[in-house]
Amino acid sequence: MAREKIIIVGGDAAGMSAASQARRRRPDLEIVVFERTPYTSYSN
């Protein structure tokens, strides 16, 4: 069975927040984030 995948466009605060929420709600998802710059938003 194929693993479900979510694709997020944008690695700014909103994109990383969406990825974080997706991980908390569905730990089994494969999460892919596309960002055009070499930097993403990160916070502890």
Protein backbone atom coordinates (compact mmCIF):
# COMPACT_ATOMS: atom_id res chain seq x y z
CA MET A 1 0.00 0.00 0.00
CA ALA A 2 1.35 3.46 -0.93
CA ARG A 3 2.19 5.85 1.84
CA GLU A 4 0.15 9.05 1.88
CA LYS A 5 2.07 12.24 1.12
CA ILE A 6 1.42 15.92 1.76
CA ILE A 7 3.25 18.58 -0.23
CA ILE A 8 3.69 22.07 1.22
CA VAL A 9 4.81 24.96 -0.97
CA GLY A 10 6.74 27.57 1.00
CA GLY A 11 9.13 27.09 3.89
CA ASP A 12 8.24 30.29 5.71
CA ALA A 13 6.53 30.35 9.10
CA ALA A 14 3.13 29.42 7.66
CA GLY A 15 4.50 26.50 5.65
CA MET A 16 6.50 25.10 8.57
CA SER A 17 3.49 25.54 10.85
CA ALA A 18 1.37 23.54 8.39
CA ALA A 19 4.04 20.81 8.25
CA SER A 20 4.23 20.71 12.04
CA GLN A 21 0.44 20.45 12.40
CA ALA A 22 0.30 17.70 9.78
CA ARG A 23 3.02 15.73 11.62
CA ARG A 24 1.18 16.01 14.94
CA ARG A 25 -2.14 14.94 13.45
CA ARG A 26 -0.85 12.24 11.11
CA PRO A 27 2.59 10.89 12.13
CA ASP A 28 2.43 8.36 9.28
CA LEU A 29 2.33 11.00 6.49
CA GLU A 30 5.30 11.69 4.27
CA ILE A 31 5.75 15.47 4.35
CA VAL A 32 7.58 17.29 1.55
CA VAL A 33 8.22 21.05 1.71
CA PHE A 34 9.31 23.05 -1.33
CA GLU A 35 11.13 26.35 -0.73
CA ARG A 36 12.89 28.37 -3.43
CA THR A 37 15.46 29.93 -1.10
CA PRO A 38 18.07 27.98 0.89
CA TYR A 39 16.41 29.01 4.19
CA THR A 40 13.34 27.77 6.04
CA SER A 41 11.65 29.13 9.12
CA TYR A 42 12.70 27.30 12.29
CA SER A 43 11.89 27.73 15.95
CA ASN A 44 12.20 25.59 19.09
